[in-house]
């Protein structure tokens, strides 16, 4: 399968590398038809896991992406491969992590690292243009509220939004499926859910929602 610079071969997922000869996370690379591809491991990336489970990859070559919870940039780097003519606003609240994102962005210039708290989008409002894609992987109890607030401010009317839900960050006493339903019900008060995938066996106690504005 080849879609928006993504290549799937058997049970492995790859992106066409924007910078040949580089493997910033020591990932395996392969060559196909004169192009280099980086192995995108679904056990390290919830977006990769959702694609492996059959969810649409809505990222395009020119996508403007707001990424909340960018961490050290593993998934961000693959998104940068896909959206080579776009931009990724990579937000995280950890100074150490953002330093790593800055190093990653020195070569992948479509990544814009931003030190900020996703709960306070008003603090980065003036740095972000309207986005085609919102992607959130924030392990906080109020992750659904954070998602809806940022979608309301930044997501284009026709844009799509991914929410990775980590059940154990919301409630350690409830069954994950009950937490997923509760979060989905909350999201559906303001957004339309296009797809839903539980991310087992790649990601334990996680699901992914793909949404758009109503």
N, C-alpha and C. Protein backbone atom coordinates (compact mmCIF):
# COMPACT_ATOMS: atom_id res chain seq x y z
N UNK A 1 0.85 -1.20 0.00
CA UNK A 1 0.00 0.00 0.00
C UNK A 1 0.88 1.23 0.00
N UNK A 2 0.63 2.15 -0.93
CA UNK A 2 1.33 3.43 -0.95
C UNK A 2 0.29 4.53 -0.91
N UNK A 3 0.37 5.42 0.07
CA UNK A 3 -0.60 6.50 0.23
C UNK A 3 0.08 7.65 0.94
N UNK A 4 0.12 8.84 0.28
CA UNK A 4 0.69 10.01 0.93
C UNK A 4 2.08 9.73 1.53
N UNK A 5 2.93 9.10 0.71
CA UNK A 5 4.30 8.77 1.10
C UNK A 5 4.40 7.65 2.13
N UNK A 6 3.33 6.87 2.29
CA UNK A 6 3.35 5.73 3.19
C UNK A 6 3.43 4.44 2.37
N UNK A 7 4.24 3.52 2.85
CA UNK A 7 4.41 2.24 2.16
C UNK A 7 4.20 1.13 3.18
N UNK A 8 3.34 0.19 2.82
CA UNK A 8 3.09 -0.94 3.72
C UNK A 8 3.51 -2.23 3.01
N UNK A 9 4.32 -3.00 3.70
CA UNK A 9 4.82 -4.25 3.16
C UNK A 9 4.64 -5.34 4.21
N UNK A 10 3.76 -6.28 3.91
CA UNK A 10 3.41 -7.35 4.84
C UNK A 10 2.92 -6.73 6.16
N UNK A 11 3.60 -6.98 7.25
CA UNK A 11 3.15 -6.46 8.55
C UNK A 11 3.98 -5.29 9.02
N UNK A 12 4.61 -4.59 8.08
CA UNK A 12 5.44 -3.44 8.43
C UNK A 12 4.95 -2.19 7.71
N UNK A 13 5.16 -1.06 8.38
CA UNK A 13 4.74 0.23 7.85
C UNK A 13 5.98 1.11 7.68
N UNK A 14 6.03 1.86 6.58
CA UNK A 14 7.18 2.70 6.29
C UNK A 14 6.70 4.07 5.78
N UNK A 15 7.56 5.07 5.93
CA UNK A 15 7.36 6.33 5.23
C UNK A 15 8.57 6.61 4.35
N UNK A 16 8.30 7.28 3.23
CA UNK A 16 9.40 7.67 2.34
C UNK A 16 10.25 8.72 3.05
N UNK A 17 11.53 8.45 3.20
CA UNK A 17 12.39 9.33 3.98
C UNK A 17 12.64 10.66 3.27
N UNK A 18 12.48 11.73 4.02
CA UNK A 18 12.76 13.07 3.49
C UNK A 18 14.26 13.35 3.44
N UNK A 19 15.02 12.58 4.19
CA UNK A 19 16.47 12.78 4.26
C UNK A 19 17.16 11.43 4.18
N UNK A 20 17.56 11.06 3.00
CA UNK A 20 18.17 9.76 2.77
C UNK A 20 19.45 9.59 3.60
N UNK A 21 19.61 8.39 4.11
CA UNK A 21 20.80 8.08 4.88
C UNK A 21 20.69 8.43 6.35
N UNK A 22 19.53 8.95 6.76
CA UNK A 22 19.34 9.33 8.16
C UNK A 22 18.31 8.43 8.83
N UNK A 23 18.60 8.00 10.03
CA UNK A 23 17.67 7.23 10.85
C UNK A 23 17.75 7.81 12.26
N UNK A 24 17.04 8.92 12.52
CA UNK A 24 17.22 9.64 13.79
C UNK A 24 16.84 8.84 15.03
N UNK A 25 16.04 7.77 14.86
CA UNK A 25 15.66 6.95 15.99
C UNK A 25 16.17 5.51 15.83
N UNK A 26 17.23 5.38 15.03
CA UNK A 26 17.88 4.09 14.78
C UNK A 26 16.91 3.07 14.19
N UNK A 27 15.96 3.57 13.41
CA UNK A 27 14.98 2.71 12.79
C UNK A 27 15.56 2.03 11.55
N UNK A 28 15.00 0.88 11.21
CA UNK A 28 15.41 0.17 10.00
C UNK A 28 15.02 0.98 8.77
N UNK A 29 15.85 0.97 7.74
CA UNK A 29 15.51 1.59 6.47
C UNK A 29 15.61 0.54 5.36
N UNK A 30 14.78 0.72 4.33
CA UNK A 30 14.81 -0.17 3.17
C UNK A 30 14.79 0.69 1.91
N UNK A 31 15.21 0.11 0.80
CA UNK A 31 15.17 0.80 -0.49
C UNK A 31 14.22 0.07 -1.42
N UNK A 32 13.31 0.82 -2.03
CA UNK A 32 12.37 0.28 -3.00
C UNK A 32 12.27 1.24 -4.17
N UNK A 33 12.57 0.74 -5.37
CA UNK A 33 12.47 1.54 -6.60
C UNK A 33 13.25 2.86 -6.50
N UNK A 34 14.43 2.78 -5.91
CA UNK A 34 15.29 3.95 -5.83
C UNK A 34 14.92 4.92 -4.72
N UNK A 35 13.97 4.56 -3.88
CA UNK A 35 13.57 5.43 -2.77
C UNK A 35 13.88 4.75 -1.44
N UNK A 36 14.20 5.57 -0.46
CA UNK A 36 14.49 5.05 0.88
C UNK A 36 13.28 5.24 1.78
N UNK A 37 12.98 4.19 2.54
CA UNK A 37 11.84 4.22 3.45
C UNK A 37 12.29 3.88 4.87
N UNK A 38 11.69 4.56 5.83
CA UNK A 38 11.98 4.34 7.25
C UNK A 38 10.87 3.50 7.88
N UNK A 39 11.27 2.51 8.66
CA UNK A 39 10.30 1.65 9.35
C UNK A 39 9.60 2.41 10.47
N UNK A 40 8.28 2.46 10.40
CA UNK A 40 7.44 3.19 11.36
C UNK A 40 6.82 2.15 12.28
N UNK A 41 7.34 2.03 13.48
CA UNK A 41 6.99 0.95 14.38
C UNK A 41 5.70 1.27 15.16
N UNK A 42 4.62 0.47 14.99
CA UNK A 42 3.35 0.76 15.68
C UNK A 42 3.39 0.59 17.19
N UNK A 43 4.40 -0.10 17.69
CA UNK A 43 4.53 -0.22 19.14
C UNK A 43 5.19 1.02 19.76
N UNK A 44 5.69 1.90 18.89
CA UNK A 44 6.30 3.15 19.37
C UNK A 44 5.47 4.37 18.97
N UNK A 45 4.45 4.16 18.15
CA UNK A 45 3.67 5.29 17.62
C UNK A 45 2.20 4.91 17.56
N UNK A 46 1.36 5.67 18.25
CA UNK A 46 -0.07 5.39 18.23
C UNK A 46 -0.69 5.70 16.87
N UNK A 47 -0.14 6.68 16.16
CA UNK A 47 -0.64 6.94 14.81
C UNK A 47 -0.34 5.77 13.89
N UNK A 48 0.86 5.23 13.96
CA UNK A 48 1.19 4.04 13.17
C UNK A 48 0.30 2.86 13.55
N UNK A 49 0.06 2.70 14.86
CA UNK A 49 -0.80 1.62 15.32
C UNK A 49 -2.20 1.75 14.75
N UNK A 50 -2.74 2.97 14.72
CA UNK A 50 -4.09 3.17 14.20
C UNK A 50 -4.16 2.85 12.71
N UNK A 51 -3.11 3.22 11.96
CA UNK A 51 -3.07 2.91 10.52
C UNK A 51 -2.99 1.40 10.32
N UNK A 52 -2.17 0.73 11.12
CA UNK A 52 -2.07 -0.72 11.02
C UNK A 52 -3.40 -1.40 11.35
N UNK A 53 -4.22 -0.77 12.19
CA UNK A 53 -5.54 -1.31 12.52
C UNK A 53 -6.60 -0.95 11.49
N UNK A 54 -6.21 -0.20 10.45
CA UNK A 54 -7.14 0.08 9.36
C UNK A 54 -7.70 1.48 9.31
N UNK A 55 -7.24 2.37 10.18
CA UNK A 55 -7.72 3.75 10.17
C UNK A 55 -7.07 4.53 9.04
N UNK A 56 -7.83 5.46 8.47
CA UNK A 56 -7.32 6.33 7.42
C UNK A 56 -6.15 7.16 7.91
N UNK A 57 -5.16 7.35 7.05
CA UNK A 57 -4.13 8.35 7.30
C UNK A 57 -4.55 9.61 6.57
N UNK A 58 -4.98 10.61 7.32
CA UNK A 58 -5.51 11.84 6.72
C UNK A 58 -4.42 12.85 6.40
N UNK A 59 -3.19 12.57 6.81
CA UNK A 59 -2.09 13.50 6.56
C UNK A 59 -1.75 13.50 5.07
N UNK A 60 -1.56 14.70 4.51
CA UNK A 60 -1.18 14.83 3.13
C UNK A 60 0.14 15.56 2.96
N UNK A 61 0.60 15.63 1.74
CA UNK A 61 1.92 16.21 1.46
C UNK A 61 2.03 17.66 1.91
N UNK A 62 0.92 18.41 1.84
CA UNK A 62 0.95 19.84 2.19
C UNK A 62 0.18 20.16 3.47
N UNK A 63 -0.09 19.16 4.28
CA UNK A 63 -0.90 19.36 5.49
C UNK A 63 -0.24 20.29 6.49
N UNK A 64 -1.04 21.16 7.08
CA UNK A 64 -0.66 21.93 8.25
C UNK A 64 -1.16 21.15 9.47
N UNK A 65 -0.24 20.77 10.35
CA UNK A 65 -0.56 19.85 11.44
C UNK A 65 -0.24 20.48 12.79
N UNK A 66 -1.20 20.45 13.70
CA UNK A 66 -0.95 20.82 15.09
C UNK A 66 -0.82 19.52 15.88
N UNK A 67 0.35 19.30 16.43
CA UNK A 67 0.65 18.06 17.15
C UNK A 67 0.81 18.39 18.63
N UNK A 68 -0.11 17.90 19.44
CA UNK A 68 -0.10 18.13 20.89
C UNK A 68 0.45 16.90 21.59
N UNK A 69 1.48 17.10 22.38
CA UNK A 69 2.13 15.99 23.06
C UNK A 69 3.20 15.37 22.18
N UNK A 70 4.05 16.21 21.61
CA UNK A 70 5.01 15.76 20.60
C UNK A 70 6.10 14.87 21.17
N UNK A 71 6.35 14.94 22.47
CA UNK A 71 7.38 14.14 23.13
C UNK A 71 8.73 14.33 22.42
N UNK A 72 9.52 13.27 22.31
CA UNK A 72 10.87 13.41 21.74
C UNK A 72 10.85 13.43 20.22
N UNK A 73 9.68 13.26 19.59
CA UNK A 73 9.57 13.48 18.15
C UNK A 73 9.53 12.25 17.28
N UNK A 74 9.35 11.06 17.87
CA UNK A 74 9.34 9.85 17.04
C UNK A 74 8.24 9.92 15.98
N UNK A 75 6.98 10.04 16.42
CA UNK A 75 5.88 10.11 15.45
C UNK A 75 5.96 11.40 14.64
N UNK A 76 6.37 12.48 15.26
CA UNK A 76 6.53 13.76 14.54
C UNK A 76 7.45 13.59 13.33
N UNK A 77 8.52 12.83 13.49
CA UNK A 77 9.48 12.67 12.39
C UNK A 77 8.85 11.97 11.19
N UNK A 78 7.96 11.03 11.44
CA UNK A 78 7.29 10.33 10.34
C UNK A 78 6.21 11.21 9.71
N UNK A 79 5.52 11.99 10.54
CA UNK A 79 4.57 12.95 10.01
C UNK A 79 5.28 13.96 9.11
N UNK A 80 6.52 14.32 9.49
CA UNK A 80 7.31 15.25 8.69
C UNK A 80 7.70 14.64 7.35
N UNK A 81 7.92 13.32 7.32
CA UNK A 81 8.18 12.64 6.06
C UNK A 81 6.97 12.73 5.13
N UNK A 82 5.77 12.57 5.70
CA UNK A 82 4.54 12.57 4.90
C UNK A 82 4.21 13.98 4.43
N UNK A 83 4.24 14.94 5.34
CA UNK A 83 3.85 16.33 5.02
C UNK A 83 5.08 17.16 4.66
N UNK A 84 5.80 16.73 3.65
CA UNK A 84 7.07 17.37 3.32
C UNK A 84 6.90 18.81 2.84
N UNK A 85 5.74 19.14 2.30
CA UNK A 85 5.49 20.51 1.85
C UNK A 85 4.57 21.26 2.81
N UNK A 86 4.31 20.66 3.96
CA UNK A 86 3.44 21.27 4.94
C UNK A 86 4.21 21.80 6.14
N UNK A 87 3.55 21.81 7.29
CA UNK A 87 4.18 22.30 8.52
C UNK A 87 3.59 21.54 9.70
N UNK A 88 4.46 21.26 10.68
CA UNK A 88 4.03 20.57 11.90
C UNK A 88 4.38 21.44 13.09
N UNK A 89 3.37 21.91 13.78
CA UNK A 89 3.55 22.68 15.02
C UNK A 89 3.59 21.67 16.16
N UNK A 90 4.79 21.37 16.64
CA UNK A 90 5.01 20.29 17.60
C UNK A 90 5.10 20.86 19.01
N UNK A 91 4.05 20.62 19.80
CA UNK A 91 3.94 21.24 21.12
C UNK A 91 4.17 20.23 22.23
N UNK A 92 5.00 20.62 23.19
CA UNK A 92 5.20 19.82 24.39
C UNK A 92 5.57 20.77 25.54
N UNK A 93 5.28 20.35 26.76
CA UNK A 93 5.54 21.22 27.92
C UNK A 93 6.86 20.93 28.60
N UNK A 94 7.59 19.92 28.13
CA UNK A 94 8.87 19.55 28.76
C UNK A 94 10.02 20.24 28.04
N UNK A 95 10.79 21.09 28.73
CA UNK A 95 11.94 21.75 28.08
C UNK A 95 12.95 20.75 27.51
N UNK A 96 13.20 19.66 28.22
CA UNK A 96 14.16 18.67 27.73
C UNK A 96 13.70 18.06 26.40
N UNK A 97 12.43 17.73 26.35
CA UNK A 97 11.85 17.14 25.14
C UNK A 97 11.89 18.14 23.98
N UNK A 98 11.57 19.38 24.25
CA UNK A 98 11.55 20.39 23.19
C UNK A 98 12.96 20.63 22.66
N UNK A 99 13.97 20.51 23.51
CA UNK A 99 15.35 20.61 23.02
C UNK A 99 15.64 19.51 21.99
N UNK A 100 15.12 18.31 22.24
CA UNK A 100 15.29 17.22 21.28
C UNK A 100 14.53 17.52 19.99
N UNK A 101 13.36 18.12 20.09
CA UNK A 101 12.60 18.50 18.90
C UNK A 101 13.33 19.55 18.09
N UNK A 102 13.98 20.47 18.78
CA UNK A 102 14.75 21.50 18.08
C UNK A 102 15.87 20.85 17.25
N UNK A 103 16.56 19.88 17.83
CA UNK A 103 17.61 19.17 17.09
C UNK A 103 17.03 18.45 15.88
N UNK A 104 15.87 17.82 16.07
CA UNK A 104 15.21 17.12 14.96
C UNK A 104 14.82 18.10 13.85
N UNK A 105 14.41 19.31 14.23
CA UNK A 105 13.93 20.29 13.26
C UNK A 105 15.05 20.97 12.48
N UNK A 106 16.29 20.78 12.91
CA UNK A 106 17.40 21.40 12.20
C UNK A 106 17.52 20.88 10.76
N UNK A 107 17.17 19.62 10.58
CA UNK A 107 17.17 19.03 9.24
C UNK A 107 15.76 18.97 8.67
N UNK A 108 14.80 18.64 9.51
CA UNK A 108 13.41 18.56 9.06
C UNK A 108 12.76 19.91 9.34
N UNK A 109 12.95 20.81 8.41
CA UNK A 109 12.59 22.21 8.64
C UNK A 109 11.09 22.47 8.59
N UNK A 110 10.29 21.45 8.28
CA UNK A 110 8.83 21.61 8.35
C UNK A 110 8.30 21.37 9.76
N UNK A 111 9.20 21.10 10.72
CA UNK A 111 8.81 20.94 12.13
C UNK A 111 9.10 22.24 12.87
N UNK A 112 8.09 22.75 13.58
CA UNK A 112 8.26 23.95 14.39
C UNK A 112 8.02 23.59 15.86
N UNK A 113 9.09 23.36 16.64
CA UNK A 113 8.93 23.00 18.05
C UNK A 113 8.43 24.20 18.87
N UNK A 114 7.48 23.94 19.78
CA UNK A 114 6.93 25.00 20.62
C UNK A 114 6.83 24.48 22.06
N UNK A 115 7.45 25.19 22.98
CA UNK A 115 7.36 24.85 24.40
C UNK A 115 6.08 25.48 24.95
N UNK A 116 5.10 24.65 25.27
CA UNK A 116 3.81 25.17 25.73
C UNK A 116 3.00 24.05 26.36
N UNK A 117 1.96 24.45 27.09
CA UNK A 117 1.04 23.52 27.73
C UNK A 117 -0.22 23.43 26.87
N UNK A 118 -0.57 22.23 26.41
CA UNK A 118 -1.73 22.05 25.54
C UNK A 118 -3.04 22.45 26.21
N UNK A 119 -3.03 22.52 27.55
CA UNK A 119 -4.22 22.98 28.26
C UNK A 119 -4.45 24.49 28.09
N UNK A 120 -3.41 25.19 27.65
CA UNK A 120 -3.48 26.65 27.55
C UNK A 120 -3.20 27.13 26.13
N UNK A 121 -4.08 26.80 25.19
CA UNK A 121 -3.82 27.16 23.79
C UNK A 121 -3.74 28.66 23.56
N UNK A 122 -4.27 29.44 24.48
CA UNK A 122 -4.16 30.89 24.34
C UNK A 122 -2.71 31.37 24.40
N UNK A 123 -1.82 30.54 24.99
CA UNK A 123 -0.41 30.94 25.09
C UNK A 123 0.36 30.72 23.79
N UNK A 124 -0.18 29.91 22.89
CA UNK A 124 0.48 29.71 21.58
C UNK A 124 -0.43 30.04 20.42
N UNK A 125 -1.55 30.68 20.73
CA UNK A 125 -2.56 30.99 19.70
C UNK A 125 -1.97 31.76 18.53
N UNK A 126 -1.11 32.72 18.80
CA UNK A 126 -0.59 33.60 17.74
C UNK A 126 0.51 32.96 16.90
N UNK A 127 0.96 31.75 17.29
CA UNK A 127 2.01 31.06 16.53
C UNK A 127 1.44 30.05 15.53
N UNK A 128 0.16 29.73 15.67
CA UNK A 128 -0.43 28.63 14.92
C UNK A 128 -1.40 29.14 13.86
N UNK A 129 -1.22 28.70 12.63
CA UNK A 129 -2.20 29.01 11.58
C UNK A 129 -3.30 27.95 11.59
N UNK A 130 -4.44 28.23 10.96
CA UNK A 130 -5.50 27.21 10.88
C UNK A 130 -4.95 25.90 10.31
N UNK A 131 -5.31 24.80 10.95
CA UNK A 131 -4.68 23.52 10.62
C UNK A 131 -5.63 22.55 9.93
N UNK A 132 -5.04 21.76 9.03
CA UNK A 132 -5.78 20.69 8.36
C UNK A 132 -5.94 19.48 9.26
N UNK A 133 -4.94 19.27 10.12
CA UNK A 133 -4.90 18.10 10.98
C UNK A 133 -4.57 18.52 12.41
N UNK A 134 -5.35 18.01 13.35
CA UNK A 134 -5.00 18.09 14.78
C UNK A 134 -4.69 16.68 15.24
N UNK A 135 -3.54 16.51 15.88
CA UNK A 135 -3.19 15.21 16.42
C UNK A 135 -2.83 15.40 17.89
N UNK A 136 -3.51 14.64 18.76
CA UNK A 136 -3.25 14.80 20.19
C UNK A 136 -2.91 13.47 20.84
N UNK A 137 -1.79 13.47 21.56
CA UNK A 137 -1.36 12.33 22.36
C UNK A 137 -0.88 12.89 23.70
N UNK A 138 -1.82 13.28 24.52
CA UNK A 138 -1.55 13.93 25.80
C UNK A 138 -2.12 13.05 26.91
N UNK A 139 -1.25 12.51 27.73
CA UNK A 139 -1.69 11.58 28.78
C UNK A 139 -2.12 12.35 30.03
N UNK A 140 -3.29 12.99 29.91
CA UNK A 140 -3.84 13.76 31.03
C UNK A 140 -5.28 13.33 31.29
N UNK A 141 -5.73 13.50 32.51
CA UNK A 141 -7.10 13.10 32.88
C UNK A 141 -8.14 13.84 32.04
N UNK A 142 -7.86 15.10 31.73
CA UNK A 142 -8.81 15.93 30.98
C UNK A 142 -8.48 15.99 29.49
N UNK A 143 -7.95 14.90 28.95
CA UNK A 143 -7.49 14.91 27.56
C UNK A 143 -8.60 15.21 26.56
N UNK A 144 -9.84 14.78 26.81
CA UNK A 144 -10.94 15.07 25.88
C UNK A 144 -11.23 16.57 25.84
N UNK A 145 -11.22 17.21 27.00
CA UNK A 145 -11.48 18.66 27.06
C UNK A 145 -10.37 19.44 26.36
N UNK A 146 -9.12 19.01 26.54
CA UNK A 146 -7.98 19.65 25.87
C UNK A 146 -8.15 19.55 24.35
N UNK A 147 -8.54 18.38 23.91
CA UNK A 147 -8.73 18.10 22.48
C UNK A 147 -9.79 19.02 21.88
N UNK A 148 -10.94 19.11 22.52
CA UNK A 148 -12.04 19.91 21.98
C UNK A 148 -11.71 21.40 21.97
N UNK A 149 -11.01 21.86 22.99
CA UNK A 149 -10.63 23.27 23.06
C UNK A 149 -9.69 23.64 21.92
N UNK A 150 -8.69 22.79 21.65
CA UNK A 150 -7.75 23.07 20.58
C UNK A 150 -8.39 22.91 19.21
N UNK A 151 -9.28 21.93 19.06
CA UNK A 151 -9.98 21.75 17.78
C UNK A 151 -10.83 22.98 17.47
N UNK A 152 -11.49 23.50 18.47
CA UNK A 152 -12.33 24.67 18.28
C UNK A 152 -11.52 25.88 17.83
N UNK A 153 -10.32 26.02 18.37
CA UNK A 153 -9.49 27.19 18.05
C UNK A 153 -8.73 27.06 16.74
N UNK A 154 -8.24 25.86 16.42
CA UNK A 154 -7.24 25.74 15.35
C UNK A 154 -7.66 24.90 14.15
N UNK A 155 -8.59 23.96 14.31
CA UNK A 155 -8.90 23.03 13.23
C UNK A 155 -9.81 23.68 12.20
N UNK A 156 -9.42 23.58 10.93
CA UNK A 156 -10.27 24.07 9.85
C UNK A 156 -11.60 23.33 9.84
N UNK A 157 -12.60 23.95 9.27
CA UNK A 157 -13.94 23.36 9.25
C UNK A 157 -13.94 21.98 8.63
N UNK A 158 -13.16 21.81 7.55
CA UNK A 158 -13.11 20.54 6.85
C UNK A 158 -11.94 19.66 7.33
N UNK A 159 -11.23 20.10 8.37
CA UNK A 159 -10.06 19.36 8.85
C UNK A 159 -10.42 18.10 9.62
N UNK A 160 -9.40 17.29 9.89
CA UNK A 160 -9.60 16.05 10.62
C UNK A 160 -8.70 16.04 11.86
N UNK A 161 -9.17 15.35 12.89
CA UNK A 161 -8.48 15.38 14.17
C UNK A 161 -8.38 13.98 14.76
N UNK A 162 -7.18 13.64 15.21
CA UNK A 162 -6.92 12.36 15.87
C UNK A 162 -6.76 12.59 17.36
N UNK A 163 -7.43 11.74 18.14
CA UNK A 163 -7.26 11.77 19.59
C UNK A 163 -6.86 10.39 20.07
N UNK A 164 -5.63 10.27 20.58
CA UNK A 164 -5.16 9.04 21.20
C UNK A 164 -5.56 9.09 22.68
N UNK A 165 -6.38 8.15 23.10
CA UNK A 165 -6.87 8.13 24.48
C UNK A 165 -6.13 7.05 25.26
N UNK A 166 -5.49 7.46 26.35
CA UNK A 166 -4.83 6.54 27.24
C UNK A 166 -5.72 6.34 28.47
N UNK A 167 -6.34 5.16 28.56
CA UNK A 167 -7.34 4.91 29.59
C UNK A 167 -6.78 5.09 30.99
N UNK A 168 -5.56 4.60 31.23
CA UNK A 168 -5.00 4.63 32.58
C UNK A 168 -4.67 6.04 33.05
N UNK A 169 -4.59 6.99 32.13
CA UNK A 169 -4.36 8.38 32.54
C UNK A 169 -5.66 9.06 32.98
N UNK A 170 -6.78 8.45 32.64
CA UNK A 170 -8.08 9.02 33.02
C UNK A 170 -8.59 8.39 34.30
N UNK A 171 -8.55 7.05 34.39
CA UNK A 171 -9.05 6.36 35.58
C UNK A 171 -8.45 4.95 35.61
N UNK A 172 -7.71 4.66 36.66
CA UNK A 172 -7.06 3.35 36.76
C UNK A 172 -8.00 2.28 37.31
N UNK A 173 -9.19 2.66 37.76
CA UNK A 173 -10.10 1.70 38.39
C UNK A 173 -11.15 1.15 37.44
N UNK A 174 -11.35 1.78 36.28
CA UNK A 174 -12.38 1.36 35.34
C UNK A 174 -11.79 0.56 34.19
N UNK A 175 -12.65 -0.26 33.59
CA UNK A 175 -12.25 -0.98 32.38
C UNK A 175 -11.98 0.01 31.26
N UNK A 176 -10.88 -0.18 30.50
CA UNK A 176 -10.55 0.75 29.42
C UNK A 176 -11.71 1.00 28.45
N UNK A 177 -12.47 -0.04 28.08
CA UNK A 177 -13.55 0.15 27.12
C UNK A 177 -14.62 1.11 27.64
N UNK A 178 -14.86 1.09 28.94
CA UNK A 178 -15.82 2.02 29.53
C UNK A 178 -15.29 3.45 29.47
N UNK A 179 -14.00 3.60 29.70
CA UNK A 179 -13.38 4.92 29.63
C UNK A 179 -13.39 5.43 28.19
N UNK A 180 -13.10 4.55 27.23
CA UNK A 180 -13.14 4.94 25.82
C UNK A 180 -14.53 5.44 25.44
N UNK A 181 -15.57 4.72 25.88
CA UNK A 181 -16.95 5.13 25.56
C UNK A 181 -17.29 6.48 26.19
N UNK A 182 -16.86 6.65 27.44
CA UNK A 182 -17.11 7.92 28.14
C UNK A 182 -16.45 9.08 27.40
N UNK A 183 -15.20 8.90 26.99
CA UNK A 183 -14.48 9.94 26.26
C UNK A 183 -15.13 10.20 24.91
N UNK A 184 -15.53 9.13 24.22
CA UNK A 184 -16.18 9.29 22.92
C UNK A 184 -17.49 10.06 23.06
N UNK A 185 -18.27 9.73 24.07
CA UNK A 185 -19.54 10.44 24.29
C UNK A 185 -19.29 11.93 24.52
N UNK A 186 -18.23 12.25 25.27
CA UNK A 186 -17.90 13.65 25.52
C UNK A 186 -17.48 14.36 24.23
N UNK A 187 -16.66 13.69 23.43
CA UNK A 187 -16.20 14.27 22.17
C UNK A 187 -17.38 14.52 21.24
N UNK A 188 -18.34 13.62 21.22
CA UNK A 188 -19.47 13.71 20.28
C UNK A 188 -20.45 14.83 20.62
N UNK A 189 -20.24 15.51 21.74
CA UNK A 189 -21.08 16.67 22.02
C UNK A 189 -20.75 17.84 21.10
N UNK A 190 -19.51 17.87 20.58
CA UNK A 190 -19.11 18.98 19.72
C UNK A 190 -18.51 18.54 18.38
N UNK A 191 -18.16 17.25 18.26
CA UNK A 191 -17.48 16.78 17.05
C UNK A 191 -18.13 15.49 16.54
N UNK A 192 -17.88 15.21 15.28
CA UNK A 192 -18.36 13.98 14.66
C UNK A 192 -17.22 12.97 14.63
N UNK A 193 -17.46 11.78 15.16
CA UNK A 193 -16.46 10.72 15.16
C UNK A 193 -16.58 9.94 13.85
N UNK A 194 -15.51 9.95 13.06
CA UNK A 194 -15.48 9.27 11.77
C UNK A 194 -15.02 7.82 11.89
N UNK A 195 -14.15 7.55 12.86
CA UNK A 195 -13.63 6.20 13.04
C UNK A 195 -13.13 6.04 14.46
N UNK A 196 -13.07 4.80 14.89
CA UNK A 196 -12.65 4.47 16.25
C UNK A 196 -11.92 3.13 16.21
N UNK A 197 -10.73 3.09 16.78
CA UNK A 197 -9.97 1.84 16.82
C UNK A 197 -9.36 1.64 18.20
N UNK A 198 -9.53 0.46 18.76
CA UNK A 198 -8.75 0.06 19.93
C UNK A 198 -7.39 -0.37 19.40
N UNK A 199 -6.31 0.06 20.04
CA UNK A 199 -4.97 -0.10 19.48
C UNK A 199 -4.22 -1.35 19.93
N UNK A 200 -4.90 -2.25 20.63
CA UNK A 200 -4.29 -3.55 20.92
C UNK A 200 -4.07 -4.28 19.59
N UNK A 201 -3.02 -5.07 19.43
CA UNK A 201 -2.01 -5.43 20.44
C UNK A 201 -0.81 -4.49 20.47
N UNK A 202 -0.86 -3.43 19.66
CA UNK A 202 0.31 -2.56 19.56
C UNK A 202 0.48 -1.64 20.76
N UNK A 203 -0.64 -1.11 21.27
CA UNK A 203 -0.61 -0.15 22.37
C UNK A 203 -1.62 -0.59 23.43
N UNK A 204 -1.15 -0.91 24.60
CA UNK A 204 -2.02 -1.41 25.66
C UNK A 204 -2.88 -0.29 26.26
N UNK A 205 -4.18 -0.57 26.42
CA UNK A 205 -5.13 0.34 27.06
C UNK A 205 -5.22 1.69 26.34
N UNK A 206 -5.11 1.66 25.02
CA UNK A 206 -5.23 2.87 24.21
C UNK A 206 -6.26 2.67 23.11
N UNK A 207 -6.92 3.76 22.72
CA UNK A 207 -7.73 3.76 21.50
C UNK A 207 -7.45 5.04 20.74
N UNK A 208 -7.91 5.08 19.49
CA UNK A 208 -7.76 6.28 18.66
C UNK A 208 -9.12 6.66 18.09
N UNK A 209 -9.43 7.94 18.17
CA UNK A 209 -10.61 8.50 17.53
C UNK A 209 -10.16 9.39 16.37
N UNK A 210 -10.83 9.26 15.24
CA UNK A 210 -10.64 10.17 14.11
C UNK A 210 -11.92 10.99 13.98
N UNK A 211 -11.80 12.30 14.07
CA UNK A 211 -12.96 13.17 14.16
C UNK A 211 -12.91 14.32 13.16
N UNK A 212 -14.04 14.97 13.02
CA UNK A 212 -14.11 16.23 12.29
C UNK A 212 -15.12 17.13 13.01
N UNK A 213 -15.14 18.40 12.65
CA UNK A 213 -16.12 19.29 13.26
C UNK A 213 -17.52 18.99 12.73
N UNK A 214 -18.52 19.17 13.57
CA UNK A 214 -19.90 18.99 13.12
C UNK A 214 -20.30 20.13 12.21
